Amino acid sequence: MKKLLLPLLLLSVLKLSAQDVEKIHRKAILIDTHNDIISNELITGNDAGKLQATGNFDLVRAKTGGLDVQVFSIWCGDQYGNGTAYAYANREIDSLHALINRNPDKMMLVTNAKELKKAVKQKKLAAMVGVEGGHMIEDRLDYIDSLVKRGMCYLTLTWNNSTSWATSARDETLHGDTLQHKGLTELGKQIIHKLNDAGVMIDLSHPGEQTFKDVMAITTKPVIASHSCVYALNPHRRNLKDYQLKAIADNGGVVFINFYSGFIDSTYEGKHAAFMARHKPQFDSLRVIYKDYDLASIRLNELNKTEADQLRPPLSMLIKHINYMVKMMGADHVGIGSDFDGAESYPLGLDSVTDYPKITTELFKIGYSKKDVEKILGGNFIRVLKANKGK
């Protein structure tokens, strides 16, 4: 009799998947914590309010994919610093506000869980602001207050570049011997306390391990990693090690899975380097046009799609990262942070925001419950947002 139980369970899951997954996906609140379309729009001049032939996001495709909440990344590279980075962050926020103002019937700015649920009820995309890179506060505590007033819900403490008060994963890994300090300085600790008090989620996706440890020792609120993957499955410096996953779970925080091929598949970077070498003249021309490495990389892949697609990992590899996190942390601590429009490659089948239902389908196929799927799709973000905001 016991031998029959597993096949019957699998049959019931497959039956649910075939009949009800789409309905469950549509009913769930789907939240993506990281998308880079706003910084791209400033360069391309494209309008994400209209259907686009390129890129991963626009409001038309977001509706098709069942997306309810998007945290838009406010980002600039390390060419911006004191005197320029904060202004550029505000320019991007202006761009997001302009997109919202052009589409008041389709989206609205939200800053807390109550406003988020109001937007969902009105069938509008809830737009949120995530600032990716502590260099954009330019070492000033008052800039945190100003960005909160403009909607900032999380601050990624560093991007790839370190700040004067926190070190990044890239710098700790590649330049650890030459850094003046590792982890948080006294100013860094003040900033953590300020973020806690202001209800801003602390994002640990880019900071180095010492910064991570220093934050976890003093934060009074649950943290997030807005777009990260599993180090044990791919030992990339941007991925989180098991002790970090466990620490975030113990803290009540959430890790949101990154879709980027290079963080999912350990073989991708080598294959991509060879691809870039083969197309160097074309890539150099695109860099002149776009004046941005990532956008040039994205466009290069679009122009050589058949070849680029051969480098992409299967969707099953992404699901393995999600499943590993759930087993390590519990389903209460995992979510979706695609990094769409911020990278040149994602798993096969994940081409844009229209493809989120494929993840829901795969989770049901491997036996996830409706309750846990709903947590991963958005419920966990709402919980950690409330824990930080207090409302």
Protein backbone atom coordinates (compact mmCIF):
# COMPACT_ATOMS: atom_id res chain seq x y z
CA MET A 1 0.00 0.00 0.00
CA LYS A 2 2.80 2.42 0.92
CA LYS A 3 4.39 1.87 -2.51
CA LEU A 4 1.27 3.37 -4.09
CA LEU A 5 1.33 6.59 -2.09
CA LEU A 6 4.19 8.34 -3.92
CA PRO A 7 2.80 7.71 -7.44
CA LEU A 8 -0.63 8.88 -6.27
CA LEU A 9 0.90 12.03 -4.78
CA LEU A 10 2.81 12.76 -7.98
CA LEU A 11 -0.34 12.15 -10.03
CA SER A 12 -2.29 14.63 -7.91
CA VAL A 13 0.48 17.24 -8.30
CA LEU A 14 0.58 16.77 -12.07
CA LYS A 15 -3.20 17.00 -12.21
CA LEU A 16 -3.12 20.26 -10.27
CA SER A 17 -0.34 21.56 -12.48
CA ALA A 18 -2.29 20.79 -15.63
CA GLN A 19 -5.61 22.23 -14.47
CA ASP A 20 -5.05 24.92 -11.88
CA VAL A 21 -1.53 26.38 -12.00
CA GLU A 22 -2.49 29.33 -14.20
CA LYS A 23 -5.40 30.20 -11.91
CA ILE A 24 -3.21 29.97 -8.80
CA HIS A 25 -0.49 32.05 -10.46
CA ARG A 26 -2.97 34.78 -11.38
CA LYS A 27 -4.55 34.85 -7.93
CA ALA A 28 -1.23 35.00 -6.08
CA ILE A 29 0.48 38.36 -5.54
CA LEU A 30 3.56 38.12 -7.76
CA ILE A 31 6.44 40.35 -6.71
CA ASP A 32 9.82 40.82 -8.41
CA THR A 33 12.36 42.65 -6.26
CA HIS A 34 14.87 43.64 -8.93
CA ASN A 35 14.59 45.01 -12.47
CA ASP A 36 16.98 47.46 -14.20
CA ILE A 37 14.68 48.89 -16.88
CA ILE A 38 14.77 52.45 -15.49
CA SER A 39 18.53 52.93 -15.87
CA ASN A 40 18.29 51.43 -19.36
CA GLU A 41 15.49 53.79 -20.38
CA LEU A 42 17.65 56.83 -19.67
CA ILE A 43 20.13 55.54 -22.27
CA THR A 44 17.79 54.10 -24.92
CA GLY A 45 14.87 56.51 -24.63
CA ASN A 46 12.47 53.57 -24.82
CA ASP A 47 9.08 53.82 -23.12
CA ALA A 48 8.37 50.85 -20.82
CA GLY A 49 4.71 51.83 -20.78
CA LYS A 50 4.39 50.45 -24.32
CA LEU A 51 5.08 47.00 -25.75
CA GLN A 52 8.79 46.73 -26.59
CA ALA A 53 10.47 44.43 -29.09
CA THR A 54 13.65 44.30 -27.00
CA GLY A 55 14.48 43.95 -23.32
CA ASN A 56 12.64 41.95 -20.67
CA PHE A 57 10.07 44.37 -19.23
CA ASP A 58 7.24 46.65 -20.22
CA LEU A 59 3.79 47.19 -18.74
CA VAL A 60 2.07 45.17 -21.47
CA ARG A 61 4.20 42.07 -20.92
CA ALA A 62 4.10 42.53 -17.14
CA LYS A 63 0.33 42.18 -17.28
CA THR A 64 0.63 39.05 -19.41
CA GLY A 65 3.02 37.46 -16.90
CA GLY A 66 0.79 38.23 -13.94
CA LEU A 67 3.26 40.63 -12.31
CA ASP A 68 1.63 42.61 -9.49
CA VAL A 69 4.58 44.39 -7.85
CA GLN A 70 7.88 45.50 -9.34
CA VAL A 71 10.75 46.96 -7.33
CA PHE A 72 12.57 49.09 -9.88
CA SER A 73 16.33 49.24 -9.38
CA ILE A 74 17.80 52.74 -9.15
CA TRP A 75 21.39 52.14 -10.18
CA CYS A 76 24.51 53.86 -11.44
CA GLY A 77 28.01 52.52 -11.88
CA ASP A 78 31.19 53.43 -10.07
CA GLN A 79 31.91 56.25 -12.52
CA TYR A 80 29.51 58.21 -10.32
CA GLY A 81 30.58 59.20 -6.81
CA ASN A 82 30.37 62.06 -4.35
CA GLY A 83 28.82 65.03 -6.08
CA THR A 84 27.24 63.03 -8.92
CA ALA A 85 25.77 59.69 -7.74
CA TYR A 86 22.93 61.09 -5.63
CA ALA A 87 21.85 63.41 -8.44
CA TYR A 88 21.85 60.52 -10.90
CA ALA A 89 19.76 58.41 -8.51
CA ASN A 90 17.20 61.22 -8.37
CA ARG A 91 17.23 61.51 -12.15
CA GLU A 92 16.30 57.81 -12.38
CA ILE A 93 13.57 58.20 -9.76
CA ASP A 94 12.25 61.14 -11.80
CA SER A 95 12.14 58.79 -14.80
CA LEU A 96 10.17 56.19 -12.82
CA HIS A 97 7.73 58.84 -11.60
CA ALA A 98 7.31 60.04 -15.19
CA LEU A 99 6.50 56.47 -16.29
CA ILE A 100 3.89 56.25 -13.53
CA ASN A 101 2.41 59.64 -14.46
CA ARG A 102 2.11 58.56 -18.10
CA ASN A 103 0.27 55.40 -17.05
CA PRO A 104 -1.91 56.27 -14.02
CA ASP A 105 -4.47 53.65 -14.98
CA LYS A 106 -1.84 50.90 -15.10
CA MET A 107 0.54 51.54 -12.20
CA MET A 108 1.06 53.48 -9.00
CA LEU A 109 3.93 54.22 -6.62
CA VAL A 110 3.70 52.36 -3.31
CA THR A 111 5.94 52.47 -0.24
CA ASN A 112 4.36 50.01 2.21
CA ALA A 113 2.25 46.85 2.37
CA LYS A 114 -1.04 48.69 2.75
CA GLU A 115 -0.45 50.73 -0.40
CA LEU A 116 0.82 47.62 -2.19
CA LYS A 117 -2.40 45.73 -1.51
CA LYS A 118 -4.45 48.75 -2.58
CA ALA A 119 -2.67 48.79 -5.94
CA VAL A 120 -3.20 45.05 -6.41
CA LYS A 121 -6.89 45.43 -5.58
CA GLN A 122 -7.16 48.16 -8.21
CA LYS A 123 -5.37 45.87 -10.69
CA LYS A 124 -2.49 48.31 -11.08
CA LEU A 125 1.19 47.43 -11.05
CA ALA A 126 2.58 48.45 -7.67
CA ALA A 127 5.84 50.28 -8.40
CA MET A 128 8.51 50.43 -5.70
CA VAL A 129 11.97 51.99 -5.51
CA GLY A 130 15.08 49.97 -4.67
CA VAL A 131 18.39 51.85 -4.61
CA GLU A 132 21.22 49.59 -5.79
CA GLY A 133 24.49 50.91 -4.47
CA GLY A 134 25.39 52.71 -1.25
CA HIS A 135 27.59 55.13 -3.18
CA MET A 136 24.38 56.93 -4.18
CA ILE A 137 23.91 58.28 -0.65
CA GLU A 138 27.39 59.85 -0.92
CA ASP A 139 28.28 59.12 2.74
CA ARG A 140 25.41 61.33 3.94
CA LEU A 141 22.74 60.21 6.39
CA ASP A 142 20.37 62.99 5.30
CA TYR A 143 20.36 61.60 1.76
CA ILE A 144 18.77 58.45 3.20
CA ASP A 145 15.88 60.58 4.47
CA SER A 146 15.55 62.28 1.10
CA LEU A 147 15.47 58.98 -0.78
CA VAL A 148 12.92 57.54 1.64
CA LYS A 149 10.66 60.49 0.86
CA ARG A 150 11.01 59.59 -2.81
CA GLY A 151 9.97 55.99 -2.16
CA MET A 152 13.16 54.01 -1.38
CA CYS A 153 12.14 50.67 0.14
CA TYR A 154 15.60 49.05 0.16
CA LEU A 155 19.22 50.07 -0.13
CA THR A 156 21.77 47.66 -1.57
CA LEU A 157 24.72 48.57 0.65
CA THR A 158 27.25 48.31 -2.17
CA TRP A 159 27.17 47.56 -5.84
CA ASN A 160 30.33 45.89 -7.22
CA ASN A 161 32.23 48.96 -6.04
CA SER A 162 32.87 49.41 -2.33
CA THR A 163 31.94 52.59 -0.51
CA SER A 164 34.02 54.39 2.10
CA TRP A 165 31.92 52.61 4.75
CA ALA A 166 31.23 49.10 3.37
CA THR A 167 33.15 46.65 1.17
CA SER A 168 31.69 44.78 -1.78
CA ALA A 169 31.86 41.09 -2.67
CA ARG A 170 33.95 41.90 -5.73
CA ASP A 171 36.49 43.97 -3.82
CA GLU A 172 36.74 41.61 -0.85
CA THR A 173 37.31 38.70 -3.24
CA LEU A 174 39.56 40.28 -5.86
CA HIS A 175 41.29 43.07 -3.92
CA GLY A 176 41.13 41.90 -0.31
CA ASP A 177 44.84 42.36 0.35
CA THR A 178 44.85 46.00 -0.74
CA LEU A 179 41.65 47.26 0.90
CA GLN A 180 42.03 49.88 3.60
CA HIS A 181 39.33 48.12 5.58
CA LYS A 182 36.91 45.22 5.28
CA GLY A 183 33.30 45.31 6.33
CA LEU A 184 31.53 48.23 7.99
CA THR A 185 33.30 51.29 9.35
CA GLU A 186 31.78 53.35 12.18
CA LEU A 187 29.93 55.38 9.55
CA GLY A 188 28.70 52.12 8.06
CA LYS A 189 27.28 51.08 11.42
CA GLN A 190 25.53 54.45 11.73
CA ILE A 191 24.02 53.91 8.29
CA ILE A 192 22.69 50.47 9.27
CA HIS A 193 21.01 51.93 12.36
CA LYS A 194 19.63 54.77 10.24
CA LEU A 195 18.16 52.34 7.70
CA ASN A 196 16.60 50.27 10.49
CA ASP A 197 15.05 53.36 12.04
CA ALA A 198 13.79 54.62 8.68
CA GLY A 199 12.14 51.30 7.80
CA VAL A 200 14.41 50.74 4.79
CA MET A 201 15.21 47.09 4.03
CA ILE A 202 18.95 46.37 4.06
CA ASP A 203 19.90 44.56 0.84
CA LEU A 204 22.91 42.23 1.09
CA SER A 205 23.09 41.02 -2.51
CA HIS A 206 26.35 42.79 -3.43
CA PRO A 207 28.30 43.34 -0.18
CA GLY A 208 31.24 41.13 0.79
CA GLU A 209 31.28 38.53 3.52
CA GLN A 210 32.79 40.79 6.17
CA THR A 211 30.20 43.46 5.47
CA PHE A 212 27.55 40.75 5.66
CA LYS A 213 28.79 39.56 9.05
CA ASP A 214 29.03 43.09 10.42
CA VAL A 215 25.47 43.89 9.33
CA MET A 216 24.01 40.70 10.76
CA ALA A 217 25.66 41.47 14.11
CA ILE A 218 23.86 44.80 14.54
CA THR A 219 20.69 44.96 12.43
CA THR A 220 17.44 45.05 14.38
CA LYS A 221 15.25 44.29 11.34
CA PRO A 222 15.04 41.41 8.85
CA VAL A 223 17.38 41.84 5.88
CA ILE A 224 17.00 40.86 2.24
CA ALA A 225 19.17 39.79 -0.65
CA SER A 226 17.21 41.29 -3.54
CA HIS A 227 18.84 39.29 -6.36
CA SER A 228 21.16 36.43 -5.38
CA CYS A 229 21.78 32.73 -6.00
CA VAL A 230 23.42 29.76 -4.22
CA TYR A 231 27.20 29.55 -3.83
CA ALA A 232 27.12 25.77 -3.20
CA LEU A 233 25.64 25.26 -6.69
CA ASN A 234 27.85 27.85 -8.39
CA PRO A 235 30.83 29.26 -6.44
CA HIS A 236 30.53 32.78 -7.79
CA ARG A 237 31.53 35.65 -5.49
CA ARG A 238 28.06 37.17 -5.90
CA ASN A 239 26.29 34.06 -4.64
CA LEU A 240 25.46 33.35 -1.01
CA LYS A 241 27.15 30.62 1.01
CA ASP A 242 25.20 28.22 3.20
CA TYR A 243 26.02 30.06 6.43
CA GLN A 244 24.73 33.28 4.86
CA LEU A 245 21.48 31.65 3.77
CA LYS A 246 21.00 30.24 7.27
CA ALA A 247 21.82 33.59 8.89
CA ILE A 248 19.26 35.41 6.75
CA ALA A 249 16.62 32.80 7.61
CA ASP A 250 17.44 33.06 11.33
CA ASN A 251 17.11 36.84 11.00
CA GLY A 252 13.64 36.48 9.45
CA GLY A 253 14.86 37.81 6.13
CA VAL A 254 14.37 36.69 2.53
CA VAL A 255 16.65 35.83 -0.41
CA PHE A 256 15.18 36.62 -3.82
CA ILE A 257 16.44 34.39 -6.61
CA ASN A 258 18.44 36.01 -9.44
CA PHE A 259 17.76 34.70 -12.96
CA TYR A 260 21.16 35.66 -14.45
CA SER A 261 22.81 32.72 -16.24
CA GLY A 262 26.23 33.54 -14.80
CA PHE A 263 25.01 33.14 -11.22
CA ILE A 264 23.02 29.98 -11.95
CA ASP A 265 25.40 27.96 -14.15
CA SER A 266 29.09 27.54 -13.24
CA THR A 267 29.99 26.88 -16.89
CA TYR A 268 28.38 30.02 -18.27
CA GLU A 269 31.12 32.59 -17.69
CA GLY A 270 33.74 30.61 -19.62
CA LYS A 271 31.40 30.07 -22.55
CA HIS A 272 30.35 33.69 -22.52
CA ALA A 273 33.97 34.91 -22.50
CA ALA A 274 34.63 32.87 -25.65
CA PHE A 275 31.44 34.27 -27.23
CA MET A 276 32.55 37.83 -26.43
CA ALA A 277 35.99 37.21 -27.93
CA ARG A 278 34.41 35.96 -31.15
CA HIS A 279 32.30 39.11 -31.42
CA LYS A 280 34.70 41.72 -30.05
CA PRO A 281 34.55 44.15 -33.02
CA GLN A 282 30.76 44.12 -32.95
CA PHE A 283 30.70 44.54 -29.16
CA ASP A 284 33.14 47.46 -29.31
CA SER A 285 30.85 49.19 -31.81
CA LEU A 286 27.84 48.65 -29.56
CA ARG A 287 29.70 50.11 -26.59
CA VAL A 288 30.29 53.28 -28.60
CA ILE A 289 26.56 53.47 -29.35
CA TYR A 290 25.21 52.70 -25.87
CA LYS A 291 28.12 53.90 -23.72
CA ASP A 292 27.16 51.16 -21.25
CA TYR A 293 28.77 47.71 -20.95
CA ASP A 294 25.65 45.85 -19.87
CA LEU A 295 23.38 47.33 -22.52
CA ALA A 296 25.97 46.61 -25.19
CA SER A 297 26.17 42.99 -23.95
CA ILE A 298 22.40 42.65 -24.02
CA ARG A 299 22.20 44.03 -27.54
CA LEU A 300 25.05 41.78 -28.71
CA ASN A 301 23.12 38.73 -27.54
CA GLU A 302 19.96 39.96 -29.28
CA LEU A 303 21.84 40.38 -32.54
CA ASN A 304 23.37 36.90 -32.25
CA LYS A 305 20.40 35.18 -30.61
CA THR A 306 20.82 31.67 -32.00
CA GLU A 307 24.43 31.47 -30.88
CA ALA A 308 23.77 33.20 -27.54
CA ASP A 309 20.89 30.84 -26.77
CA GLN A 310 23.30 27.91 -26.91
CA LEU A 311 25.08 29.34 -23.85
CA ARG A 312 21.94 29.58 -21.70
CA PRO A 313 21.32 27.04 -18.91
CA PRO A 314 18.04 25.11 -18.75
CA LEU A 315 15.24 26.41 -16.55
CA SER A 316 15.74 23.37 -14.32
CA MET A 317 19.03 24.86 -13.06
CA LEU A 318 17.22 27.92 -11.74
CA ILE A 319 14.67 25.68 -10.05
CA LYS A 320 17.55 23.81 -8.38
CA HIS A 321 18.73 27.08 -6.83
CA ILE A 322 15.23 27.83 -5.53
CA ASN A 323 14.83 24.31 -4.20
CA TYR A 324 18.25 24.42 -2.50
CA MET A 325 17.34 27.67 -0.77
CA VAL A 326 14.02 26.29 0.40
CA LYS A 327 15.66 23.18 1.83
CA MET A 328 18.35 25.27 3.52
CA MET A 329 16.19 28.17 4.75
CA GLY A 330 12.54 27.12 4.57
CA ALA A 331 9.86 28.34 2.16
CA ASP A 332 9.28 31.44 4.31
CA HIS A 333 12.61 32.92 3.23
CA VAL A 334 12.74 32.66 -0.58
CA GLY A 335 11.37 34.94 -3.29
CA ILE A 336 11.80 36.25 -6.86
CA GLY A 337 14.37 38.92 -7.82
CA SER A 338 14.92 38.35 -11.53
CA ASP A 339 17.53 40.99 -12.43
CA PHE A 340 15.67 41.34 -15.74
CA ASP A 341 17.07 44.09 -17.97
CA GLY A 342 20.26 43.98 -15.94
CA ALA A 343 22.06 41.10 -17.66
CA GLU A 344 22.54 39.63 -21.12
CA SER A 345 21.40 36.07 -20.43
CA TYR A 346 18.80 34.11 -18.49
CA PRO A 347 17.77 30.43 -18.53
CA LEU A 348 16.08 29.04 -21.62
CA GLY A 349 12.39 29.85 -21.50
CA LEU A 350 12.83 32.94 -19.31
CA ASP A 351 12.92 35.65 -21.94
CA SER A 352 10.80 38.33 -20.29
CA VAL A 353 8.28 39.09 -17.57
CA THR A 354 5.72 37.08 -19.54
CA ASP A 355 7.48 33.89 -18.43
CA TYR A 356 7.00 33.95 -14.64
CA PRO A 357 4.19 31.33 -14.88
CA LYS A 358 6.81 28.79 -15.99
CA ILE A 359 8.45 29.02 -12.56
CA THR A 360 5.12 28.47 -10.83
CA THR A 361 4.49 25.43 -13.03
CA GLU A 362 7.90 23.92 -12.27
CA LEU A 363 7.50 24.40 -8.52
CA PHE A 364 4.21 22.53 -8.57
CA LYS A 365 5.75 19.79 -10.70
CA ILE A 366 8.35 19.04 -8.02
CA GLY A 367 5.75 18.94 -5.28
CA TYR A 368 5.50 22.41 -3.76
CA SER A 369 2.26 23.24 -1.99
CA LYS A 370 0.00 26.10 -3.04
CA LYS A 371 0.78 27.85 0.25
CA ASP A 372 4.55 27.68 -0.27
CA VAL A 373 4.34 28.76 -3.92
CA GLU A 374 2.32 31.81 -2.90
CA LYS A 375 4.95 32.68 -0.28
CA ILE A 376 7.76 32.45 -2.83
CA LEU A 377 5.89 34.43 -5.47
CA GLY A 378 5.20 37.37 -3.17
CA GLY A 379 4.01 36.59 0.32
CA ASN A 380 7.48 36.56 1.82
CA PHE A 381 8.28 40.00 0.44
CA ILE A 382 5.13 41.45 1.98
CA ARG A 383 6.06 39.96 5.34
CA VAL A 384 9.61 41.35 5.35
CA LEU A 385 8.37 44.73 4.08
CA LYS A 386 5.93 44.93 7.00
CA ALA A 387 8.64 43.87 9.44
CA ASN A 388 10.79 46.80 8.32
CA LYS A 389 8.11 49.43 7.78
CA GLY A 390 5.94 48.51 10.73
CA LYS A 391 2.83 48.74 8.52
